[in-house]
Amino acid sequence: MAMSYKARRRWSLFVLLIGLPVYIVLMIYVISLFDRPPFWIELLVYVGSGVIWAFPLKAVFKGVGQADPDGPEDPLQ
């Protein structure tokens, strides 16, 4: 079942304003549980955790920055 454009916009806003900061705090906590690894491993962990959150949410963000496909043809109306 595909989400409507309005639902995707709302969920994307929720994810960016609430979900992403919670994810960042959670990742900082999880990473702080381990001893500090070598620089290159630490870099891979941060880059990986910074990119990996977006893959499951790809369907939510797809097409959100474009005009509403169900909306009026003229955006000024």
PDB file of N, CA and C in Angstrom:
ATOM      1  N   MET A   1       0.844  -1.178   0.000  1.00  0.00           N
ATOM      2  CA  MET A   1       0.000   0.000   0.000  1.00  0.00           C
ATOM      3  C   MET A   1       0.889   1.241   0.000  1.00  0.00           C
ATOM      4  N   ALA A   2       0.691   2.091  -0.962  1.00  0.00           N
ATOM      5  CA  ALA A   2       1.490   3.301  -1.098  1.00  0.00           C
ATOM      6  C   ALA A   2       0.893   4.433  -0.255  1.00  0.00           C
ATOM      7  N   MET A   3       1.776   5.239   0.316  1.00  0.00           N
ATOM      8  CA  MET A   3       1.317   6.374   1.110  1.00  0.00           C
ATOM      9  C   MET A   3       0.958   7.532   0.193  1.00  0.00           C
ATOM     10  N   SER A   4       0.013   8.331   0.655  1.00  0.00           N
ATOM     11  CA  SER A   4      -0.347   9.516  -0.100  1.00  0.00           C
ATOM     12  C   SER A   4       0.758  10.559   0.024  1.00  0.00           C
ATOM     13  N   TYR A   5       0.698  11.544  -0.836  1.00  0.00           N
ATOM     14  CA  TYR A   5       1.696  12.614  -0.827  1.00  0.00           C
ATOM     15  C   TYR A   5       1.681  13.350   0.514  1.00  0.00           C
ATOM     16  N   LYS A   6       0.481  13.662   1.033  1.00  0.00           N
ATOM     17  CA  LYS A   6       0.382  14.379   2.309  1.00  0.00           C
ATOM     18  C   LYS A   6       0.933  13.544   3.458  1.00  0.00           C
ATOM     19  N   ALA A   7       0.670  12.255   3.438  1.00  0.00           N
ATOM     20  CA  ALA A   7       1.188  11.374   4.497  1.00  0.00           C
ATOM     21  C   ALA A   7       2.714  11.315   4.444  1.00  0.00           C
ATOM     22  N   ARG A   8       3.273  11.220   3.224  1.00  0.00           N
ATOM     23  CA  ARG A   8       4.737  11.200   3.104  1.00  0.00           C
ATOM     24  C   ARG A   8       5.342  12.499   3.590  1.00  0.00           C
ATOM     25  N   ARG A   9       4.696  13.635   3.281  1.00  0.00           N
ATOM     26  CA  ARG A   9       5.207  14.932   3.761  1.00  0.00           C
ATOM     27  C   ARG A   9       5.195  14.994   5.283  1.00  0.00           C
ATOM     28  N   ARG A  10       4.095  14.557   5.878  1.00  0.00           N
ATOM     29  CA  ARG A  10       3.995  14.586   7.343  1.00  0.00           C
ATOM     30  C   ARG A  10       5.009  13.665   7.998  1.00  0.00           C
ATOM     31  N   TRP A  11       5.135  12.450   7.474  1.00  0.00           N
ATOM     32  CA  TRP A  11       6.093  11.505   8.038  1.00  0.00           C
ATOM     33  C   TRP A  11       7.527  11.988   7.845  1.00  0.00           C
ATOM     34  N   SER A  12       7.828  12.584   6.710  1.00  0.00           N
ATOM     35  CA  SER A  12       9.194  13.074   6.497  1.00  0.00           C
ATOM     36  C   SER A  12       9.517  14.203   7.470  1.00  0.00           C
ATOM     37  N   LEU A  13       8.552  15.067   7.728  1.00  0.00           N
ATOM     38  CA  LEU A  13       8.755  16.140   8.701  1.00  0.00           C
ATOM     39  C   LEU A  13       8.962  15.566  10.098  1.00  0.00           C
ATOM     40  N   PHE A  14       8.160  14.579  10.462  1.00  0.00           N
ATOM     41  CA  PHE A  14       8.301  13.920  11.765  1.00  0.00           C
ATOM     42  C   PHE A  14       9.674  13.263  11.896  1.00  0.00           C
ATOM     43  N   VAL A  15      10.077  12.554  10.857  1.00  0.00           N
ATOM     44  CA  VAL A  15      11.371  11.861  10.898  1.00  0.00           C
ATOM     45  C   VAL A  15      12.514  12.859  11.053  1.00  0.00           C
ATOM     46  N   LEU A  16      12.473  13.958  10.314  1.00  0.00           N
ATOM     47  CA  LEU A  16      13.569  14.925  10.356  1.00  0.00           C
ATOM     48  C   LEU A  16      13.605  15.723  11.655  1.00  0.00           C
ATOM     49  N   LEU A  17      12.440  16.047  12.221  1.00  0.00           N
ATOM     50  CA  LEU A  17      12.405  16.877  13.427  1.00  0.00           C
ATOM     51  C   LEU A  17      12.468  16.077  14.720  1.00  0.00           C
ATOM     52  N   ILE A  18      11.931  14.876  14.729  1.00  0.00           N
ATOM     53  CA  ILE A  18      11.891  14.069  15.951  1.00  0.00           C
ATOM     54  C   ILE A  18      12.792  12.839  15.838  1.00  0.00           C
ATOM     55  N   GLY A  19      12.592  12.057  14.791  1.00  0.00           N
ATOM     56  CA  GLY A  19      13.293  10.782  14.657  1.00  0.00           C
ATOM     57  C   GLY A  19      14.786  10.899  14.501  1.00  0.00           C
ATOM     58  N   LEU A  20      15.243  11.808  13.660  1.00  0.00           N
ATOM     59  CA  LEU A  20      16.679  11.940  13.424  1.00  0.00           C
ATOM     60  C   LEU A  20      17.448  12.402  14.667  1.00  0.00           C
ATOM     61  N   PRO A  21      16.975  13.418  15.408  1.00  0.00           N
ATOM     62  CA  PRO A  21      17.686  13.764  16.643  1.00  0.00           C
ATOM     63  C   PRO A  21      17.710  12.620  17.668  1.00  0.00           C
ATOM     64  N   VAL A  22      16.618  11.871  17.765  1.00  0.00           N
ATOM     65  CA  VAL A  22      16.596  10.720  18.680  1.00  0.00           C
ATOM     66  C   VAL A  22      17.609   9.673  18.219  1.00  0.00           C
ATOM     67  N   TYR A  23      17.668   9.426  16.914  1.00  0.00           N
ATOM     68  CA  TYR A  23      18.630   8.476  16.367  1.00  0.00           C
ATOM     69  C   TYR A  23      20.067   8.918  16.645  1.00  0.00           C
ATOM     70  N   ILE A  24      20.337  10.208  16.490  1.00  0.00           N
ATOM     71  CA  ILE A  24      21.686  10.724  16.735  1.00  0.00           C
ATOM     72  C   ILE A  24      22.087  10.525  18.181  1.00  0.00           C
ATOM     73  N   VAL A  25      21.197  10.855  19.113  1.00  0.00           N
ATOM     74  CA  VAL A  25      21.486  10.675  20.544  1.00  0.00           C
ATOM     75  C   VAL A  25      21.688   9.199  20.849  1.00  0.00           C
ATOM     76  N   LEU A  26      20.848   8.340  20.283  1.00  0.00           N
ATOM     77  CA  LEU A  26      20.982   6.900  20.497  1.00  0.00           C
ATOM     78  C   LEU A  26      22.312   6.381  19.971  1.00  0.00           C
ATOM     79  N   MET A  27      22.722   6.821  18.783  1.00  0.00           N
ATOM     80  CA  MET A  27      23.999   6.372  18.222  1.00  0.00           C
ATOM     81  C   MET A  27      25.184   6.875  19.045  1.00  0.00           C
ATOM     82  N   ILE A  28      25.105   8.100  19.518  1.00  0.00           N
ATOM     83  CA  ILE A  28      26.180   8.618  20.373  1.00  0.00           C
ATOM     84  C   ILE A  28      26.287   7.789  21.642  1.00  0.00           C
ATOM     85  N   TYR A  29      25.142   7.425  22.214  1.00  0.00           N
ATOM     86  CA  TYR A  29      25.156   6.599  23.426  1.00  0.00           C
ATOM     87  C   TYR A  29      25.757   5.225  23.140  1.00  0.00           C
ATOM     88  N   VAL A  30      25.329   4.582  22.060  1.00  0.00           N
ATOM     89  CA  VAL A  30      25.824   3.242  21.728  1.00  0.00           C
ATOM     90  C   VAL A  30      27.326   3.279  21.460  1.00  0.00           C
ATOM     91  N   ILE A  31      27.780   4.270  20.719  1.00  0.00           N
ATOM     92  CA  ILE A  31      29.206   4.367  20.407  1.00  0.00           C
ATOM     93  C   ILE A  31      30.023   4.660  21.663  1.00  0.00           C
ATOM     94  N   SER A  32      29.452   5.404  22.609  1.00  0.00           N
ATOM     95  CA  SER A  32      30.185   5.717  23.841  1.00  0.00           C
ATOM     96  C   SER A  32      30.352   4.496  24.748  1.00  0.00           C
ATOM     97  N   LEU A  33      29.605   3.430  24.511  1.00  0.00           N
ATOM     98  CA  LEU A  33      29.735   2.220  25.324  1.00  0.00           C
ATOM     99  C   LEU A  33      31.025   1.465  25.045  1.00  0.00           C
ATOM    100  N   PHE A  34      31.642   1.712  23.896  1.00  0.00           N
ATOM    101  CA  PHE A  34      32.856   1.005  23.501  1.00  0.00           C
ATOM    102  C   PHE A  34      34.080   1.896  23.700  1.00  0.00           C
ATOM    103  N   ASP A  35      35.237   1.252  23.839  1.00  0.00           N
ATOM    104  CA  ASP A  35      36.485   2.009  23.881  1.00  0.00           C
ATOM    105  C   ASP A  35      36.695   2.663  22.524  1.00  0.00           C
ATOM    106  N   ARG A  36      37.461   3.730  22.509  1.00  0.00           N
ATOM    107  CA  ARG A  36      37.682   4.462  21.263  1.00  0.00           C
ATOM    108  C   ARG A  36      38.547   3.629  20.322  1.00  0.00           C
ATOM    109  N   PRO A  37      38.003   3.315  19.127  1.00  0.00           N
ATOM    110  CA  PRO A  37      38.766   2.502  18.161  1.00  0.00           C
ATOM    111  C   PRO A  37      39.751   3.378  17.385  1.00  0.00           C
ATOM    112  N   PRO A  38      40.554   2.776  16.519  1.00  0.00           N
ATOM    113  CA  PRO A  38      41.426   3.569  15.645  1.00  0.00           C
ATOM    114  C   PRO A  38      40.588   4.532  14.788  1.00  0.00           C
ATOM    115  N   PHE A  39      41.244   5.582  14.330  1.00  0.00           N
ATOM    116  CA  PHE A  39      40.549   6.650  13.618  1.00  0.00           C
ATOM    117  C   PHE A  39      39.740   6.135  12.431  1.00  0.00           C
ATOM    118  N   TRP A  40      40.305   5.291  11.596  1.00  0.00           N
ATOM    119  CA  TRP A  40      39.624   4.854  10.375  1.00  0.00           C
ATOM    120  C   TRP A  40      38.397   4.010  10.688  1.00  0.00           C
ATOM    121  N   ILE A  41      38.442   3.212  11.746  1.00  0.00           N
ATOM    122  CA  ILE A  41      37.265   2.422  12.142  1.00  0.00           C
ATOM    123  C   ILE A  41      36.183   3.356  12.689  1.00  0.00           C
ATOM    124  N   GLU A  42      36.603   4.316  13.501  1.00  0.00           N
ATOM    125  CA  GLU A  42      35.648   5.282  14.037  1.00  0.00           C
ATOM    126  C   GLU A  42      34.989   6.074  12.907  1.00  0.00           C
ATOM    127  N   LEU A  43      35.772   6.471  11.916  1.00  0.00           N
ATOM    128  CA  LEU A  43      35.241   7.188  10.759  1.00  0.00           C
ATOM    129  C   LEU A  43      34.216   6.328  10.012  1.00  0.00           C
ATOM    130  N   LEU A  44      34.518   5.057   9.799  1.00  0.00           N
ATOM    131  CA  LEU A  44      33.583   4.154   9.128  1.00  0.00           C
ATOM    132  C   LEU A  44      32.284   3.999   9.921  1.00  0.00           C
ATOM    133  N   VAL A  45      32.390   3.908  11.236  1.00  0.00           N
ATOM    134  CA  VAL A  45      31.194   3.771  12.079  1.00  0.00           C
ATOM    135  C   VAL A  45      30.324   5.015  11.964  1.00  0.00           C
ATOM    136  N   TYR A  46      30.930   6.194  12.040  1.00  0.00           N
ATOM    137  CA  TYR A  46      30.155   7.431  11.962  1.00  0.00           C
ATOM    138  C   TYR A  46      29.548   7.640  10.576  1.00  0.00           C
ATOM    139  N   VAL A  47      30.312   7.366   9.529  1.00  0.00           N
ATOM    140  CA  VAL A  47      29.778   7.514   8.173  1.00  0.00           C
ATOM    141  C   VAL A  47      28.677   6.475   7.934  1.00  0.00           C
ATOM    142  N   GLY A  48      28.914   5.258   8.354  1.00  0.00           N
ATOM    143  CA  GLY A  48      27.908   4.205   8.182  1.00  0.00           C
ATOM    144  C   GLY A  48      26.621   4.501   8.929  1.00  0.00           C
ATOM    145  N   SER A  49      26.729   4.929  10.177  1.00  0.00           N
ATOM    146  CA  SER A  49      25.520   5.238  10.948  1.00  0.00           C
ATOM    147  C   SER A  49      24.852   6.510  10.447  1.00  0.00           C
ATOM    148  N   GLY A  50      25.617   7.380   9.802  1.00  0.00           N
ATOM    149  CA  GLY A  50      25.042   8.595   9.245  1.00  0.00           C
ATOM    150  C   GLY A  50      24.291   8.366   7.947  1.00  0.00           C
ATOM    151  N   VAL A  51      24.614   7.288   7.244  1.00  0.00           N
ATOM    152  CA  VAL A  51      23.963   6.988   5.976  1.00  0.00           C
ATOM    153  C   VAL A  51      22.878   5.921   6.140  1.00  0.00           C
ATOM    154  N   ILE A  52      23.097   4.992   7.032  1.00  0.00           N
ATOM    155  CA  ILE A  52      22.221   3.823   7.141  1.00  0.00           C
ATOM    156  C   ILE A  52      20.789   4.163   7.553  1.00  0.00           C
ATOM    157  N   TRP A  53      20.564   5.252   8.273  1.00  0.00           N
ATOM    158  CA  TRP A  53      19.217   5.593   8.719  1.00  0.00           C
ATOM    159  C   TRP A  53      18.302   5.929   7.546  1.00  0.00           C
ATOM    160  N   ALA A  54      18.851   6.380   6.430  1.00  0.00           N
ATOM    161  CA  ALA A  54      18.033   6.836   5.313  1.00  0.00           C
ATOM    162  C   ALA A  54      17.487   5.693   4.460  1.00  0.00           C
ATOM    163  N   PHE A  55      18.162   4.569   4.411  1.00  0.00           N
ATOM    164  CA  PHE A  55      17.716   3.487   3.534  1.00  0.00           C
ATOM    165  C   PHE A  55      16.321   2.968   3.866  1.00  0.00           C
ATOM    166  N   PRO A  56      15.985   2.684   5.118  1.00  0.00           N
ATOM    167  CA  PRO A  56      14.618   2.214   5.391  1.00  0.00           C
ATOM    168  C   PRO A  56      13.562   3.298   5.161  1.00  0.00           C
ATOM    169  N   LEU A  57      13.965   4.553   5.157  1.00  0.00           N
ATOM    170  CA  LEU A  57      13.012   5.661   5.028  1.00  0.00           C
ATOM    171  C   LEU A  57      12.953   6.231   3.616  1.00  0.00           C
ATOM    172  N   LYS A  58      13.556   5.551   2.672  1.00  0.00           N
ATOM    173  CA  LYS A  58      13.603   6.043   1.295  1.00  0.00           C
ATOM    174  C   LYS A  58      12.202   6.261   0.732  1.00  0.00           C
ATOM    175  N   ALA A  59      11.268   5.376   1.019  1.00  0.00           N
ATOM    176  CA  ALA A  59       9.900   5.501   0.501  1.00  0.00           C
ATOM    177  C   ALA A  59       9.187   6.724   1.077  1.00  0.00           C
ATOM    178  N   VAL A  60       9.538   7.102   2.298  1.00  0.00           N
ATOM    179  CA  VAL A  60       8.898   8.267   2.923  1.00  0.00           C
ATOM    180  C   VAL A  60       9.361   9.550   2.249  1.00  0.00           C
ATOM    181  N   PHE A  61      10.631   9.651   1.925  1.00  0.00           N
ATOM    182  CA  PHE A  61      11.192  10.887   1.374  1.00  0.00           C
ATOM    183  C   PHE A  61      11.045  11.009  -0.143  1.00  0.00           C
ATOM    184  N   LYS A  62      10.679   9.937  -0.811  1.00  0.00           N
ATOM    185  CA  LYS A  62      10.629   9.943  -2.275  1.00  0.00           C
ATOM    186  C   LYS A  62       9.544  10.895  -2.785  1.00  0.00           C
ATOM    187  N   GLY A  63       9.956  11.913  -3.543  1.00  0.00           N
ATOM    188  CA  GLY A  63       9.038  12.843  -4.174  1.00  0.00           C
ATOM    189  C   GLY A  63       8.487  13.929  -3.283  1.00  0.00           C
ATOM    190  N   VAL A  64       8.940  14.034  -2.048  1.00  0.00           N
ATOM    191  CA  VAL A  64       8.387  15.019  -1.117  1.00  0.00           C
ATOM    192  C   VAL A  64       8.760  16.444  -1.519  1.00  0.00           C
ATOM    193  N   GLY A  65       9.892  16.641  -2.120  1.00  0.00           N
ATOM    194  CA  GLY A  65      10.311  17.983  -2.508  1.00  0.00           C
ATOM    195  C   GLY A  65       9.680  18.489  -3.789  1.00  0.00           C
ATOM    196  N   GLN A  66       8.857  17.680  -4.414  1.00  0.00           N
ATOM    197  CA  GLN A  66       8.211  18.076  -5.661  1.00  0.00           C
ATOM    198  C   GLN A  66       6.786  18.552  -5.384  1.00  0.00           C
ATOM    199  N   ALA A  67       6.156  19.078  -6.406  1.00  0.00           N
ATOM    200  CA  ALA A  67       4.777  19.546  -6.273  1.00  0.00           C
ATOM    201  C   ALA A  67       3.847  18.360  -6.027  1.00  0.00           C
ATOM    202  N   ASP A  68       2.723  18.627  -5.356  1.00  0.00           N
ATOM    203  CA  ASP A  68       1.723  17.608  -5.063  1.00  0.00           C
ATOM    204  C   ASP A  68       1.146  17.074  -6.369  1.00  0.00           C
ATOM    205  N   PRO A  69       1.310  15.774  -6.643  1.00  0.00           N
ATOM    206  CA  PRO A  69       0.798  15.243  -7.905  1.00  0.00           C
ATOM    207  C   PRO A  69      -0.729  15.256  -7.970  1.00  0.00           C
ATOM    208  N   ASP A  70      -1.410  15.279  -6.841  1.00  0.00           N
ATOM    209  CA  ASP A  70      -2.864  15.313  -6.804  1.00  0.00           C
ATOM    210  C   ASP A  70      -3.404  16.719  -6.654  1.00  0.00           C
ATOM    211  N   GLY A  71      -2.529  17.690  -6.527  1.00  0.00           N
ATOM    212  CA  GLY A  71      -2.925  19.069  -6.313  1.00  0.00           C
ATOM    213  C   GLY A  71      -3.311  19.761  -7.611  1.00  0.00           C
ATOM    214  N   PRO A  72      -3.636  21.051  -7.521  1.00  0.00           N
ATOM    215  CA  PRO A  72      -4.010  21.805  -8.734  1.00  0.00           C
ATOM    216  C   PRO A  72      -2.816  21.968  -9.662  1.00  0.00           C
ATOM    217  N   GLU A  73      -3.101  22.126 -10.938  1.00  0.00           N
ATOM    218  CA  GLU A  73      -2.045  22.303 -11.941  1.00  0.00           C
ATOM    219  C   GLU A  73      -1.261  23.581 -11.693  1.00  0.00           C
ATOM    220  N   ASP A  74      -1.986  24.672 -11.383  1.00  0.00           N
ATOM    221  CA  ASP A  74      -1.362  25.967 -11.141  1.00  0.00           C
ATOM    222  C   ASP A  74      -1.131  26.120  -9.631  1.00  0.00           C
ATOM    223  N   PRO A  75       0.112  26.210  -9.147  1.00  0.00           N
ATOM    224  CA  PRO A  75       0.370  26.279  -7.711  1.00  0.00           C
ATOM    225  C   PRO A  75      -0.176  27.560  -7.062  1.00  0.00           C
ATOM    226  N   LEU A  76      -0.528  28.577  -7.851  1.00  0.00           N
ATOM    227  CA  LEU A  76      -1.035  29.841  -7.286  1.00  0.00           C
ATOM    228  C   LEU A  76      -2.532  29.799  -7.014  1.00  0.00           C
ATOM    229  N   GLN A  77      -3.206  28.752  -7.437  1.00  0.00           N
ATOM    230  CA  GLN A  77      -4.655  28.660  -7.223  1.00  0.00           C
ATOM    231  C   GLN A  77      -4.969  28.100  -5.867  1.00  0.00           C
TER     232      GLN A  77
END
